[in-house]
Amino acid sequence: MAAQLLTVTIRNVGLVGTELASAQAGMLHNKLFKVGAIVSISVRRIHVRLSSTFPRKQLLVQALARLRAPDTMT
């Protein structure tokens, strides 16, 4: 249930106006979530280092920025 809610939120908030805005959960999983990345966790932050050759890097960064924006929480 939590994974479905997260996927729907990413699609409805983070991917508005993009090529994946109406994508199904399986397509989002294959195109955005199945990413080889280095994740490091500190006390206050989570750092995700993506490969420079990841083809949808800009789209993922844009979606994450929209999700972090304070106006999306209202």
C-alpha atoms as a PDB file:
ATOM      1  CA  MET A   1       0.000   0.000   0.000  1.00  0.00           C
ATOM      2  CA  ALA A   2       2.792   2.453   0.868  1.00  0.00           C
ATOM      3  CA  ALA A   3       4.640   1.674  -2.362  1.00  0.00           C
ATOM      4  CA  GLN A   4       1.488   2.318  -4.378  1.00  0.00           C
ATOM      5  CA  LEU A   5       0.882   5.616  -2.581  1.00  0.00           C
ATOM      6  CA  LEU A   6       4.476   6.676  -3.212  1.00  0.00           C
ATOM      7  CA  THR A   7       4.233   5.771  -6.906  1.00  0.00           C
ATOM      8  CA  VAL A   8       0.964   7.682  -7.337  1.00  0.00           C
ATOM      9  CA  THR A   9       2.375  10.731  -5.531  1.00  0.00           C
ATOM     10  CA  ILE A  10       5.502  10.746  -7.667  1.00  0.00           C
ATOM     11  CA  ARG A  11       3.401  10.483 -10.815  1.00  0.00           C
ATOM     12  CA  ASN A  12       0.817  13.119  -9.794  1.00  0.00           C
ATOM     13  CA  VAL A  13       3.183  15.656  -8.234  1.00  0.00           C
ATOM     14  CA  GLY A  14       6.689  15.018  -9.469  1.00  0.00           C
ATOM     15  CA  LEU A  15       6.045  14.029 -13.069  1.00  0.00           C
ATOM     16  CA  VAL A  16       3.317  16.508 -14.049  1.00  0.00           C
ATOM     17  CA  GLY A  17       3.841  17.685 -17.618  1.00  0.00           C
ATOM     18  CA  THR A  18       6.489  15.077 -18.445  1.00  0.00           C
ATOM     19  CA  GLU A  19       6.509  12.052 -20.721  1.00  0.00           C
ATOM     20  CA  LEU A  20       5.890   9.774 -17.728  1.00  0.00           C
ATOM     21  CA  ALA A  21       2.969  11.727 -16.234  1.00  0.00           C
ATOM     22  CA  SER A  22       0.459   9.075 -17.291  1.00  0.00           C
ATOM     23  CA  ALA A  23       2.746   6.052 -17.040  1.00  0.00           C
ATOM     24  CA  GLN A  24       1.660   2.916 -15.261  1.00  0.00           C
ATOM     25  CA  ALA A  25       3.464   1.761 -12.129  1.00  0.00           C
ATOM     26  CA  GLY A  26       5.418  -0.923 -13.988  1.00  0.00           C
ATOM     27  CA  MET A  27       6.752   1.559 -16.511  1.00  0.00           C
ATOM     28  CA  LEU A  28       7.765   3.981 -13.754  1.00  0.00           C
ATOM     29  CA  HIS A  29       9.547   1.143 -12.003  1.00  0.00           C
ATOM     30  CA  ASN A  30      11.470   0.195 -15.147  1.00  0.00           C
ATOM     31  CA  LYS A  31      12.285   3.701 -16.336  1.00  0.00           C
ATOM     32  CA  LEU A  32      12.898   5.617 -13.095  1.00  0.00           C
ATOM     33  CA  PHE A  33      13.224   3.368 -10.077  1.00  0.00           C
ATOM     34  CA  LYS A  34      15.481   0.632 -11.474  1.00  0.00           C
ATOM     35  CA  VAL A  35      18.587   2.757 -11.348  1.00  0.00           C
ATOM     36  CA  GLY A  36      22.119   1.820 -10.446  1.00  0.00           C
ATOM     37  CA  ALA A  37      23.047   4.432  -7.868  1.00  0.00           C
ATOM     38  CA  ILE A  38      25.268   4.882  -4.855  1.00  0.00           C
ATOM     39  CA  VAL A  39      23.251   5.801  -1.778  1.00  0.00           C
ATOM     40  CA  SER A  40      24.966   7.175   1.301  1.00  0.00           C
ATOM     41  CA  ILE A  41      23.092   8.044   4.469  1.00  0.00           C
ATOM     42  CA  SER A  42      24.318  10.512   7.052  1.00  0.00           C
ATOM     43  CA  VAL A  43      22.604  11.798  10.175  1.00  0.00           C
ATOM     44  CA  ARG A  44      20.659  14.529   8.357  1.00  0.00           C
ATOM     45  CA  ARG A  45      20.803  13.692   4.653  1.00  0.00           C
ATOM     46  CA  ILE A  46      20.472  10.952   2.128  1.00  0.00           C
ATOM     47  CA  HIS A  47      22.773  11.358  -0.865  1.00  0.00           C
ATOM     48  CA  VAL A  48      21.997   9.561  -4.115  1.00  0.00           C
ATOM     49  CA  ARG A  49      24.742   9.543  -6.723  1.00  0.00           C
ATOM     50  CA  LEU A  50      23.442   8.652 -10.156  1.00  0.00           C
ATOM     51  CA  SER A  51      25.531   7.496 -13.070  1.00  0.00           C
ATOM     52  CA  SER A  52      26.381  10.277 -15.505  1.00  0.00           C
ATOM     53  CA  THR A  53      25.086   8.045 -18.317  1.00  0.00           C
ATOM     54  CA  PHE A  54      21.613   7.519 -16.804  1.00  0.00           C
ATOM     55  CA  PRO A  55      19.306   8.665 -19.648  1.00  0.00           C
ATOM     56  CA  ARG A  56      16.522  10.061 -17.439  1.00  0.00           C
ATOM     57  CA  LYS A  57      18.710  11.720 -14.838  1.00  0.00           C
ATOM     58  CA  GLN A  58      17.302  15.212 -15.465  1.00  0.00           C
ATOM     59  CA  LEU A  59      13.726  13.925 -15.285  1.00  0.00           C
ATOM     60  CA  LEU A  60      14.393  12.182 -11.970  1.00  0.00           C
ATOM     61  CA  VAL A  61      16.110  15.267 -10.530  1.00  0.00           C
ATOM     62  CA  GLN A  62      13.173  17.438 -11.653  1.00  0.00           C
ATOM     63  CA  ALA A  63      10.632  15.059 -10.088  1.00  0.00           C
ATOM     64  CA  LEU A  64      12.522  14.977  -6.788  1.00  0.00           C
ATOM     65  CA  ALA A  65      12.765  18.777  -6.733  1.00  0.00           C
ATOM     66  CA  ARG A  66       8.997  19.057  -7.229  1.00  0.00           C
ATOM     67  CA  LEU A  67       8.383  16.582  -4.428  1.00  0.00           C
ATOM     68  CA  ARG A  68      10.641  18.543  -2.057  1.00  0.00           C
ATOM     69  CA  ALA A  69       9.034  21.902  -2.850  1.00  0.00           C
ATOM     70  CA  PRO A  70       7.029  23.264   0.115  1.00  0.00           C
ATOM     71  CA  ASP A  71       4.000  24.216  -2.000  1.00  0.00           C
ATOM     72  CA  THR A  72       3.384  20.541  -2.905  1.00  0.00           C
ATOM     73  CA  MET A  73       2.547  19.758   0.711  1.00  0.00           C
ATOM     74  CA  THR A  74      -0.659  21.849   0.767  1.00  0.00           C
END
